[in-house]
Every structure is written in structure tokens, then in C-alpha cells.
Amino acid sequence: MGDLGQFLPLILIFLVAYLFMIRPQMKRQKDEKRFGESLKKGDKIVTKSGLYGKVVDLNDKDSSCIIETMAGRLKFDRSAISMEMSKKLSAAKEK
């Protein structure tokens, strides 16, 4: 029992780190992947760099999409699209 008592604080630290840091990050990555897969033509999006546009074409082969902006059409990786900003943009349009 004495040996377990020495490792108990260390085990609790790892448990707390998992619950408050690692698990939420894994959930967020899963949500972002699901968001990238659920994109469709015509969706209004915002990239992580702040570029606003509309999805014109999707390529499943290399996981990219073509976005139409006022400057023209640009090809982006789906992981470059911000889930939070895009959801805020679509929520603001619905109001």
C-alpha cells in the first residue's frame, strides 16, 4: 500500500491532464475533421488566415477545395478552413 501511495499524486496529475487537456483536444480535432468532410458546394466559409469565400469545387482525392473570392478562385486544403469562424458566419447570415 505504501508504494501505491507514492505514485497516487503522479497518477492523479496524469488523469487531470488527460481529462482537461488531451481529451478536449482530441474531440476538437475529430469535430474539425467531420466539418471538413461535410463541406459542400455553395457553403460560405472563412479560412484560418481570415479569407472569406464560397466553396466552388471539392476534391476528395487530395482533400482540397476551390474557394471563390472577390480576387478570384483559390485552391485550399480543407484543413485550412476555420470551423468556428465559418459557423459564426453562417449563424450571422441566418439572423
Foldseek 3Di string as FASTA:
>chain_A
DVVCVVCVVVVVVVVVCCVPPVVVVVVVVVVLVVVLVPDDFQQWFAFPVGATFTWHAADPVQQWTWTQHPVGIDIGHSSRTDPVRSVVVVVVVVD
